[in-house]
Amino acid sequence: MIGYARVVTDFAAFAYIGDVFLLDDRARGRGLGSWLMDCVFAHPDLQGLRRWMLMCGERPVDWYRRYGFVEPGRPGFALHRTDREIYQRAGRADGER
């Protein structure tokens, strides 16, 4: 396996793309990420959804724009909450057992 994409959806109106990544640096720049996104959007179970959402980290926002993603145009429309310490707390809790 050299790549992975994860989609969380209600199969009716909404899909969240949680992960899109290539595991091997040698695979980058060869169009495999684009192929992976094309496969996600072509999947029969994901047709007819009204809204797609993703949060991007390291990958440039412009890369996702080619798939029609844009920043929310209405302030207060898209909100998120991030707990940046959750894994550290979980690791400490596991070490205490």
PDB file of N, CA and C in Angstrom:
ATOM      1  N   MET A   1       0.854  -1.174   0.000  1.00  0.00           N
ATOM      2  CA  MET A   1       0.000   0.000   0.000  1.00  0.00           C
ATOM      3  C   MET A   1       0.897   1.233   0.000  1.00  0.00           C
ATOM      4  N   ILE A   2       0.597   2.160  -0.900  1.00  0.00           N
ATOM      5  CA  ILE A   2       1.394   3.385  -0.944  1.00  0.00           C
ATOM      6  C   ILE A   2       0.576   4.633  -0.665  1.00  0.00           C
ATOM      7  N   GLY A   3      -0.746   4.499  -0.602  1.00  0.00           N
ATOM      8  CA  GLY A   3      -1.587   5.664  -0.361  1.00  0.00           C
ATOM      9  C   GLY A   3      -2.857   5.281   0.357  1.00  0.00           C
ATOM     10  N   TYR A   4      -3.531   6.307   0.869  1.00  0.00           N
ATOM     11  CA  TYR A   4      -4.723   6.070   1.669  1.00  0.00           C
ATOM     12  C   TYR A   4      -5.606   7.308   1.632  1.00  0.00           C
ATOM     13  N   ALA A   5      -6.906   7.102   1.545  1.00  0.00           N
ATOM     14  CA  ALA A   5      -7.879   8.185   1.691  1.00  0.00           C
ATOM     15  C   ALA A   5      -9.011   7.671   2.565  1.00  0.00           C
ATOM     16  N   ARG A   6      -9.460   8.486   3.487  1.00  0.00           N
ATOM     17  CA  ARG A   6     -10.546   8.101   4.395  1.00  0.00           C
ATOM     18  C   ARG A   6     -11.653   9.131   4.288  1.00  0.00           C
ATOM     19  N   VAL A   7     -12.877   8.641   4.093  1.00  0.00           N
ATOM     20  CA  VAL A   7     -14.046   9.504   3.986  1.00  0.00           C
ATOM     21  C   VAL A   7     -15.061   9.057   5.029  1.00  0.00           C
ATOM     22  N   VAL A   8     -15.562  10.017   5.794  1.00  0.00           N
ATOM     23  CA  VAL A   8     -16.625   9.763   6.763  1.00  0.00           C
ATOM     24  C   VAL A   8     -17.874  10.438   6.211  1.00  0.00           C
ATOM     25  N   THR A   9     -18.969   9.687   6.095  1.00  0.00           N
ATOM     26  CA  THR A   9     -20.161  10.242   5.463  1.00  0.00           C
ATOM     27  C   THR A   9     -21.435   9.680   6.072  1.00  0.00           C
ATOM     28  N   ASP A  10     -22.527  10.408   5.849  1.00  0.00           N
ATOM     29  CA  ASP A  10     -23.849   9.908   6.214  1.00  0.00           C
ATOM     30  C   ASP A  10     -24.529   9.256   5.010  1.00  0.00           C
ATOM     31  N   PHE A  11     -23.858   9.221   3.870  1.00  0.00           N
ATOM     32  CA  PHE A  11     -24.340   8.642   2.609  1.00  0.00           C
ATOM     33  C   PHE A  11     -25.580   9.345   2.060  1.00  0.00           C
ATOM     34  N   ALA A  12     -25.922  10.487   2.625  1.00  0.00           N
ATOM     35  CA  ALA A  12     -27.120  11.203   2.173  1.00  0.00           C
ATOM     36  C   ALA A  12     -26.803  12.624   1.723  1.00  0.00           C
ATOM     37  N   ALA A  13     -26.038  13.362   2.543  1.00  0.00           N
ATOM     38  CA  ALA A  13     -25.832  14.775   2.242  1.00  0.00           C
ATOM     39  C   ALA A  13     -24.416  15.268   2.484  1.00  0.00           C
ATOM     40  N   PHE A  14     -23.634  14.572   3.299  1.00  0.00           N
ATOM     41  CA  PHE A  14     -22.370  15.136   3.777  1.00  0.00           C
ATOM     42  C   PHE A  14     -21.252  14.096   3.739  1.00  0.00           C
ATOM     43  N   ALA A  15     -20.055  14.553   3.380  1.00  0.00           N
ATOM     44  CA  ALA A  15     -18.858  13.716   3.461  1.00  0.00           C
ATOM     45  C   ALA A  15     -17.697  14.554   3.979  1.00  0.00           C
ATOM     46  N   TYR A  16     -16.914  13.969   4.850  1.00  0.00           N
ATOM     47  CA  TYR A  16     -15.720  14.603   5.388  1.00  0.00           C
ATOM     48  C   TYR A  16     -14.517  13.771   4.952  1.00  0.00           C
ATOM     49  N   ILE A  17     -13.598  14.392   4.257  1.00  0.00           N
ATOM     50  CA  ILE A  17     -12.376  13.711   3.867  1.00  0.00           C
ATOM     51  C   ILE A  17     -11.391  13.882   5.010  1.00  0.00           C
ATOM     52  N   GLY A  18     -11.145  12.798   5.729  1.00  0.00           N
ATOM     53  CA  GLY A  18     -10.313  12.861   6.917  1.00  0.00           C
ATOM     54  C   GLY A  18      -8.835  12.694   6.646  1.00  0.00           C
ATOM     55  N   ASP A  19      -8.491  11.908   5.652  1.00  0.00           N
ATOM     56  CA  ASP A  19      -7.088  11.660   5.346  1.00  0.00           C
ATOM     57  C   ASP A  19      -6.921  11.476   3.854  1.00  0.00           C
ATOM     58  N   VAL A  20      -5.896  12.046   3.315  1.00  0.00           N
ATOM     59  CA  VAL A  20      -5.421  11.754   1.964  1.00  0.00           C
ATOM     60  C   VAL A  20      -3.907  11.845   2.057  1.00  0.00           C
ATOM     61  N   PHE A  21      -3.239  10.716   1.937  1.00  0.00           N
ATOM     62  CA  PHE A  21      -1.788  10.790   1.996  1.00  0.00           C
ATOM     63  C   PHE A  21      -1.143   9.639   1.246  1.00  0.00           C
ATOM     64  N   LEU A  22       0.091   9.870   0.863  1.00  0.00           N
ATOM     65  CA  LEU A  22       0.923   8.852   0.240  1.00  0.00           C
ATOM     66  C   LEU A  22       1.997   8.482   1.251  1.00  0.00           C
ATOM     67  N   LEU A  23       2.195   7.198   1.451  1.00  0.00           N
ATOM     68  CA  LEU A  23       3.124   6.730   2.470  1.00  0.00           C
ATOM     69  C   LEU A  23       4.586   6.818   2.059  1.00  0.00           C
ATOM     70  N   ASP A  24       4.836   6.779   0.787  1.00  0.00           N
ATOM     71  CA  ASP A  24       6.201   6.748   0.281  1.00  0.00           C
ATOM     72  C   ASP A  24       6.512   8.054  -0.444  1.00  0.00           C
ATOM     73  N   ASP A  25       7.538   8.755  -0.006  1.00  0.00           N
ATOM     74  CA  ASP A  25       7.912  10.026  -0.647  1.00  0.00           C
ATOM     75  C   ASP A  25       8.198   9.859  -2.135  1.00  0.00           C
ATOM     76  N   ARG A  26       8.657   8.672  -2.541  1.00  0.00           N
ATOM     77  CA  ARG A  26       8.947   8.442  -3.958  1.00  0.00           C
ATOM     78  C   ARG A  26       7.676   8.421  -4.800  1.00  0.00           C
ATOM     79  N   ALA A  27       6.515   8.227  -4.160  1.00  0.00           N
ATOM     80  CA  ALA A  27       5.244   8.199  -4.890  1.00  0.00           C
ATOM     81  C   ALA A  27       4.713   9.606  -5.156  1.00  0.00           C
ATOM     82  N   ARG A  28       5.209  10.579  -4.422  1.00  0.00           N
ATOM     83  CA  ARG A  28       4.717  11.947  -4.588  1.00  0.00           C
ATOM     84  C   ARG A  28       5.209  12.537  -5.904  1.00  0.00           C
ATOM     85  N   GLY A  29       4.396  13.424  -6.477  1.00  0.00           N
ATOM     86  CA  GLY A  29       4.774  14.090  -7.713  1.00  0.00           C
ATOM     87  C   GLY A  29       4.540  13.258  -8.960  1.00  0.00           C
ATOM     88  N   ARG A  30       3.865  12.124  -8.810  1.00  0.00           N
ATOM     89  CA  ARG A  30       3.608  11.243  -9.951  1.00  0.00           C
ATOM     90  C   ARG A  30       2.125  11.157 -10.288  1.00  0.00           C
ATOM     91  N   GLY A  31       1.317  12.011  -9.645  1.00  0.00           N
ATOM     92  CA  GLY A  31      -0.115  12.023  -9.932  1.00  0.00           C
ATOM     93  C   GLY A  31      -0.931  11.022  -9.148  1.00  0.00           C
ATOM     94  N   LEU A  32      -0.314  10.308  -8.211  1.00  0.00           N
ATOM     95  CA  LEU A  32      -1.042   9.287  -7.455  1.00  0.00           C
ATOM     96  C   LEU A  32      -2.032   9.902  -6.466  1.00  0.00           C
ATOM     97  N   GLY A  33      -1.687  11.041  -5.883  1.00  0.00           N
ATOM     98  CA  GLY A  33      -2.626  11.723  -4.987  1.00  0.00           C
ATOM     99  C   GLY A  33      -3.853  12.190  -5.751  1.00  0.00           C
ATOM    100  N   SER A  34      -3.645  12.704  -6.938  1.00  0.00           N
ATOM    101  CA  SER A  34      -4.773  13.123  -7.780  1.00  0.00           C
ATOM    102  C   SER A  34      -5.620  11.927  -8.176  1.00  0.00           C
ATOM    103  N   TRP A  35      -4.976  10.821  -8.525  1.00  0.00           N
ATOM    104  CA  TRP A  35      -5.703   9.597  -8.857  1.00  0.00           C
ATOM    105  C   TRP A  35      -6.537   9.130  -7.667  1.00  0.00           C
ATOM    106  N   LEU A  36      -5.973   9.215  -6.468  1.00  0.00           N
ATOM    107  CA  LEU A  36      -6.682   8.807  -5.257  1.00  0.00           C
ATOM    108  C   LEU A  36      -7.917   9.670  -5.034  1.00  0.00           C
ATOM    109  N   MET A  37      -7.778  10.985  -5.204  1.00  0.00           N
ATOM    110  CA  MET A  37      -8.932  11.879  -5.057  1.00  0.00           C
ATOM    111  C   MET A  37      -9.974  11.601  -6.134  1.00  0.00           C
ATOM    112  N   ASP A  38      -9.543  11.336  -7.359  1.00  0.00           N
ATOM    113  CA  ASP A  38     -10.480  10.989  -8.430  1.00  0.00           C
ATOM    114  C   ASP A  38     -11.267   9.735  -8.064  1.00  0.00           C
ATOM    115  N   CYS A  39     -10.599   8.763  -7.468  1.00  0.00           N
ATOM    116  CA  CYS A  39     -11.276   7.533  -7.036  1.00  0.00           C
ATOM    117  C   CYS A  39     -12.302   7.816  -5.943  1.00  0.00           C
ATOM    118  N   VAL A  40     -11.958   8.685  -5.010  1.00  0.00           N
ATOM    119  CA  VAL A  40     -12.901   9.051  -3.938  1.00  0.00           C
ATOM    120  C   VAL A  40     -14.160   9.654  -4.550  1.00  0.00           C
ATOM    121  N   PHE A  41     -13.990  10.625  -5.429  1.00  0.00           N
ATOM    122  CA  PHE A  41     -15.155  11.304  -5.995  1.00  0.00           C
ATOM    123  C   PHE A  41     -15.943  10.429  -6.961  1.00  0.00           C
ATOM    124  N   ALA A  42     -15.330   9.392  -7.502  1.00  0.00           N
ATOM    125  CA  ALA A  42     -16.025   8.494  -8.430  1.00  0.00           C
ATOM    126  C   ALA A  42     -16.717   7.328  -7.722  1.00  0.00           C
ATOM    127  N   HIS A  43     -16.450   7.155  -6.427  1.00  0.00           N
ATOM    128  CA  HIS A  43     -17.018   6.005  -5.716  1.00  0.00           C
ATOM    129  C   HIS A  43     -18.541   6.061  -5.768  1.00  0.00           C
ATOM    130  N   PRO A  44     -19.192   4.963  -6.136  1.00  0.00           N
ATOM    131  CA  PRO A  44     -20.655   4.971  -6.298  1.00  0.00           C
ATOM    132  C   PRO A  44     -21.421   5.333  -5.021  1.00  0.00           C
ATOM    133  N   ASP A  45     -20.891   4.994  -3.846  1.00  0.00           N
ATOM    134  CA  ASP A  45     -21.588   5.307  -2.593  1.00  0.00           C
ATOM    135  C   ASP A  45     -21.505   6.782  -2.215  1.00  0.00           C
ATOM    136  N   LEU A  46     -20.679   7.547  -2.935  1.00  0.00           N
ATOM    137  CA  LEU A  46     -20.471   8.952  -2.581  1.00  0.00           C
ATOM    138  C   LEU A  46     -21.041   9.906  -3.621  1.00  0.00           C
ATOM    139  N   GLN A  47     -21.929   9.434  -4.435  1.00  0.00           N
ATOM    140  CA  GLN A  47     -22.542  10.277  -5.461  1.00  0.00           C
ATOM    141  C   GLN A  47     -23.766  10.991  -4.877  1.00  0.00           C
ATOM    142  N   GLY A  48     -24.028  12.189  -5.323  1.00  0.00           N
ATOM    143  CA  GLY A  48     -25.217  12.932  -4.911  1.00  0.00           C
ATOM    144  C   GLY A  48     -25.116  13.616  -3.565  1.00  0.00           C
ATOM    145  N   LEU A  49     -23.912  13.705  -2.997  1.00  0.00           N
ATOM    146  CA  LEU A  49     -23.760  14.390  -1.711  1.00  0.00           C
ATOM    147  C   LEU A  49     -23.723  15.894  -1.939  1.00  0.00           C
ATOM    148  N   ARG A  50     -24.382  16.617  -1.079  1.00  0.00           N
ATOM    149  CA  ARG A  50     -24.449  18.069  -1.244  1.00  0.00           C
ATOM    150  C   ARG A  50     -23.186  18.774  -0.760  1.00  0.00           C
ATOM    151  N   ARG A  51     -22.618  18.322   0.333  1.00  0.00           N
ATOM    152  CA  ARG A  51     -21.491  19.045   0.928  1.00  0.00           C
ATOM    153  C   ARG A  51     -20.343  18.100   1.244  1.00  0.00           C
ATOM    154  N   TRP A  52     -19.148  18.538   0.863  1.00  0.00           N
ATOM    155  CA  TRP A  52     -17.908  17.851   1.201  1.00  0.00           C
ATOM    156  C   TRP A  52     -17.073  18.806   2.050  1.00  0.00           C
ATOM    157  N   MET A  53     -16.331  18.267   2.998  1.00  0.00           N
ATOM    158  CA  MET A  53     -15.492  19.106   3.857  1.00  0.00           C
ATOM    159  C   MET A  53     -14.163  18.408   4.089  1.00  0.00           C
ATOM    160  N   LEU A  54     -13.146  19.197   4.275  1.00  0.00           N
ATOM    161  CA  LEU A  54     -11.852  18.665   4.684  1.00  0.00           C
ATOM    162  C   LEU A  54     -11.104  19.735   5.437  1.00  0.00           C
ATOM    163  N   MET A  55     -10.142  19.309   6.192  1.00  0.00           N
ATOM    164  CA  MET A  55      -9.229  20.212   6.885  1.00  0.00           C
ATOM    165  C   MET A  55      -7.851  19.857   6.362  1.00  0.00           C
ATOM    166  N   CYS A  56      -7.136  20.826   5.827  1.00  0.00           N
ATOM    167  CA  CYS A  56      -5.818  20.486   5.287  1.00  0.00           C
ATOM    168  C   CYS A  56      -4.737  20.978   6.233  1.00  0.00           C
ATOM    169  N   GLY A  57      -3.691  20.203   6.279  1.00  0.00           N
ATOM    170  CA  GLY A  57      -2.568  20.551   7.131  1.00  0.00           C
ATOM    171  C   GLY A  57      -1.371  20.927   6.297  1.00  0.00           C
ATOM    172  N   GLU A  58      -0.553  19.934   5.988  1.00  0.00           N
ATOM    173  CA  GLU A  58       0.685  20.194   5.268  1.00  0.00           C
ATOM    174  C   GLU A  58       0.472  20.420   3.778  1.00  0.00           C
ATOM    175  N   ARG A  59      -0.499  19.748   3.199  1.00  0.00           N
ATOM    176  CA  ARG A  59      -0.701  19.871   1.748  1.00  0.00           C
ATOM    177  C   ARG A  59      -1.248  21.253   1.442  1.00  0.00           C
ATOM    178  N   PRO A  60      -0.728  21.887   0.417  1.00  0.00           N
ATOM    179  CA  PRO A  60      -1.192  23.239   0.080  1.00  0.00           C
ATOM    180  C   PRO A  60      -2.679  23.278  -0.260  1.00  0.00           C
ATOM    181  N   VAL A  61      -3.332  24.317   0.207  1.00  0.00           N
ATOM    182  CA  VAL A  61      -4.756  24.510  -0.049  1.00  0.00           C
ATOM    183  C   VAL A  61      -5.037  24.529  -1.552  1.00  0.00           C
ATOM    184  N   ASP A  62      -4.125  25.096  -2.329  1.00  0.00           N
ATOM    185  CA  ASP A  62      -4.334  25.181  -3.782  1.00  0.00           C
ATOM    186  C   ASP A  62      -4.516  23.809  -4.419  1.00  0.00           C
ATOM    187  N   TRP A  63      -3.879  22.786  -3.877  1.00  0.00           N
ATOM    188  CA  TRP A  63      -4.016  21.439  -4.434  1.00  0.00           C
ATOM    189  C   TRP A  63      -5.469  20.980  -4.362  1.00  0.00           C
ATOM    190  N   TYR A  64      -6.148  21.306  -3.267  1.00  0.00           N
ATOM    191  CA  TYR A  64      -7.549  20.905  -3.108  1.00  0.00           C
ATOM    192  C   TYR A  64      -8.499  21.773  -3.927  1.00  0.00           C
ATOM    193  N   ARG A  65      -8.099  22.973  -4.248  1.00  0.00           N
ATOM    194  CA  ARG A  65      -8.960  23.848  -5.045  1.00  0.00           C
ATOM    195  C   ARG A  65      -9.269  23.244  -6.406  1.00  0.00           C
ATOM    196  N   ARG A  66      -8.372  22.451  -6.949  1.00  0.00           N
ATOM    197  CA  ARG A  66      -8.634  21.830  -8.258  1.00  0.00           C
ATOM    198  C   ARG A  66      -9.819  20.874  -8.198  1.00  0.00           C
ATOM    199  N   TYR A  67     -10.211  20.481  -6.986  1.00  0.00           N
ATOM    200  CA  TYR A  67     -11.384  19.615  -6.804  1.00  0.00           C
ATOM    201  C   TYR A  67     -12.617  20.401  -6.368  1.00  0.00           C
ATOM    202  N   GLY A  68     -12.541  21.713  -6.417  1.00  0.00           N
ATOM    203  CA  GLY A  68     -13.685  22.554  -6.107  1.00  0.00           C
ATOM    204  C   GLY A  68     -13.782  23.003  -4.661  1.00  0.00           C
ATOM    205  N   PHE A  69     -12.792  22.688  -3.833  1.00  0.00           N
ATOM    206  CA  PHE A  69     -12.831  23.116  -2.438  1.00  0.00           C
ATOM    207  C   PHE A  69     -12.452  24.582  -2.329  1.00  0.00           C
ATOM    208  N   VAL A  70     -13.161  25.309  -1.481  1.00  0.00           N
ATOM    209  CA  VAL A  70     -12.890  26.714  -1.220  1.00  0.00           C
ATOM    210  C   VAL A  70     -13.010  26.960   0.281  1.00  0.00           C
ATOM    211  N   GLU A  71     -12.435  28.063   0.741  1.00  0.00           N
ATOM    212  CA  GLU A  71     -12.623  28.444   2.137  1.00  0.00           C
ATOM    213  C   GLU A  71     -14.063  28.928   2.312  1.00  0.00           C
ATOM    214  N   PRO A  72     -14.632  28.728   3.493  1.00  0.00           N
ATOM    215  CA  PRO A  72     -16.007  29.185   3.710  1.00  0.00           C
ATOM    216  C   PRO A  72     -16.136  30.678   3.453  1.00  0.00           C
ATOM    217  N   GLY A  73     -17.197  31.054   2.759  1.00  0.00           N
ATOM    218  CA  GLY A  73     -17.416  32.450   2.428  1.00  0.00           C
ATOM    219  C   GLY A  73     -18.181  33.210   3.502  1.00  0.00           C
ATOM    220  N   ARG A  74     -18.762  32.487   4.426  1.00  0.00           N
ATOM    221  CA  ARG A  74     -19.541  33.139   5.477  1.00  0.00           C
ATOM    222  C   ARG A  74     -18.845  32.963   6.817  1.00  0.00           C
ATOM    223  N   PRO A  75     -18.389  34.042   7.441  1.00  0.00           N
ATOM    224  CA  PRO A  75     -17.778  33.905   8.766  1.00  0.00           C
ATOM    225  C   PRO A  75     -18.747  33.248   9.737  1.00  0.00           C
ATOM    226  N   GLY A  76     -18.230  32.350  10.523  1.00  0.00           N
ATOM    227  CA  GLY A  76     -19.063  31.659  11.498  1.00  0.00           C
ATOM    228  C   GLY A  76     -19.772  30.434  10.943  1.00  0.00           C
ATOM    229  N   PHE A  77     -19.641  30.188   9.652  1.00  0.00           N
ATOM    230  CA  PHE A  77     -20.329  29.050   9.042  1.00  0.00           C
ATOM    231  C   PHE A  77     -19.606  27.743   9.348  1.00  0.00           C
ATOM    232  N   ALA A  78     -18.316  27.703   9.103  1.00  0.00           N
ATOM    233  CA  ALA A  78     -17.539  26.489   9.364  1.00  0.00           C
ATOM    234  C   ALA A  78     -16.686  26.722  10.601  1.00  0.00           C
ATOM    235  N   LEU A  79     -16.912  25.934  11.601  1.00  0.00           N
ATOM    236  CA  LEU A  79     -16.183  26.052  12.853  1.00  0.00           C
ATOM    237  C   LEU A  79     -15.488  24.734  13.142  1.00  0.00           C
ATOM    238  N   HIS A  80     -14.423  24.778  13.906  1.00  0.00           N
ATOM    239  CA  HIS A  80     -13.776  23.551  14.330  1.00  0.00           C
ATOM    240  C   HIS A  80     -13.152  23.749  15.692  1.00  0.00           C
ATOM    241  N   ARG A  81     -12.901  22.643  16.326  1.00  0.00           N
ATOM    242  CA  ARG A  81     -12.248  22.649  17.624  1.00  0.00           C
ATOM    243  C   ARG A  81     -11.126  21.626  17.564  1.00  0.00           C
ATOM    244  N   THR A  82      -9.942  22.011  17.962  1.00  0.00           N
ATOM    245  CA  THR A  82      -8.793  21.123  17.908  1.00  0.00           C
ATOM    246  C   THR A  82      -8.178  20.999  19.289  1.00  0.00           C
ATOM    247  N   ASP A  83      -8.013  19.770  19.741  1.00  0.00           N
ATOM    248  CA  ASP A  83      -7.318  19.495  20.997  1.00  0.00           C
ATOM    249  C   ASP A  83      -5.934  18.979  20.634  1.00  0.00           C
ATOM    250  N   ARG A  84      -4.962  19.851  20.632  1.00  0.00           N
ATOM    251  CA  ARG A  84      -3.613  19.489  20.191  1.00  0.00           C
ATOM    252  C   ARG A  84      -2.870  18.623  21.210  1.00  0.00           C
ATOM    253  N   GLU A  85      -3.381  18.483  22.399  1.00  0.00           N
ATOM    254  CA  GLU A  85      -2.706  17.712  23.448  1.00  0.00           C
ATOM    255  C   GLU A  85      -3.334  16.339  23.667  1.00  0.00           C
ATOM    256  N   ILE A  86      -4.341  15.961  22.895  1.00  0.00           N
ATOM    257  CA  ILE A  86      -5.083  14.735  23.174  1.00  0.00           C
ATOM    258  C   ILE A  86      -4.199  13.489  23.136  1.00  0.00           C
ATOM    259  N   TYR A  87      -3.290  13.399  22.191  1.00  0.00           N
ATOM    260  CA  TYR A  87      -2.440  12.209  22.086  1.00  0.00           C
ATOM    261  C   TYR A  87      -1.408  12.163  23.206  1.00  0.00           C
ATOM    262  N   GLN A  88      -0.912  13.316  23.602  1.00  0.00           N
ATOM    263  CA  GLN A  88       0.026  13.346  24.718  1.00  0.00           C
ATOM    264  C   GLN A  88      -0.666  12.892  26.002  1.00  0.00           C
ATOM    265  N   ARG A  89      -1.896  13.365  26.240  1.00  0.00           N
ATOM    266  CA  ARG A  89      -2.626  12.948  27.434  1.00  0.00           C
ATOM    267  C   ARG A  89      -2.928  11.456  27.386  1.00  0.00           C
ATOM    268  N   ALA A  90      -3.301  10.955  26.233  1.00  0.00           N
ATOM    269  CA  ALA A  90      -3.593   9.526  26.094  1.00  0.00           C
ATOM    270  C   ALA A  90      -2.334   8.710  26.352  1.00  0.00           C
ATOM    271  N   GLY A  91      -1.196   9.162  25.861  1.00  0.00           N
ATOM    272  CA  GLY A  91       0.052   8.460  26.086  1.00  0.00           C
ATOM    273  C   GLY A  91       0.437   8.425  27.553  1.00  0.00           C
ATOM    274  N   ARG A  92       0.237   9.537  28.240  1.00  0.00           N
ATOM    275  CA  ARG A  92       0.531   9.579  29.680  1.00  0.00           C
ATOM    276  C   ARG A  92      -0.407   8.646  30.431  1.00  0.00           C
ATOM    277  N   ALA A  93      -1.677   8.623  30.042  1.00  0.00           N
ATOM    278  CA  ALA A  93      -2.659   7.768  30.716  1.00  0.00           C
ATOM    279  C   ALA A  93      -2.331   6.294  30.491  1.00  0.00           C
ATOM    280  N   ASP A  94      -1.872   5.929  29.297  1.00  0.00           N
ATOM    281  CA  ASP A  94      -1.506   4.534  29.021  1.00  0.00           C
ATOM    282  C   ASP A  94      -0.288   4.134  29.825  1.00  0.00           C
ATOM    283  N   GLY A  95       0.637   5.044  30.013  1.00  0.00           N
ATOM    284  CA  GLY A  95       1.849   4.756  30.772  1.00  0.00           C
ATOM    285  C   GLY A  95       1.584   4.552  32.249  1.00  0.00           C
ATOM    286  N   GLU A  96       0.475   5.058  32.742  1.00  0.00           N
ATOM    287  CA  GLU A  96       0.147   4.943  34.158  1.00  0.00           C
ATOM    288  C   GLU A  96      -0.489   3.610  34.504  1.00  0.00           C
ATOM    289  N   ARG A  97      -0.897   2.858  33.492  1.00  0.00           N
ATOM    290  CA  ARG A  97      -1.579   1.585  33.765  1.00  0.00           C
ATOM    291  C   ARG A  97      -0.618   0.505  34.150  1.00  0.00           C
TER     292      ARG A  97
END
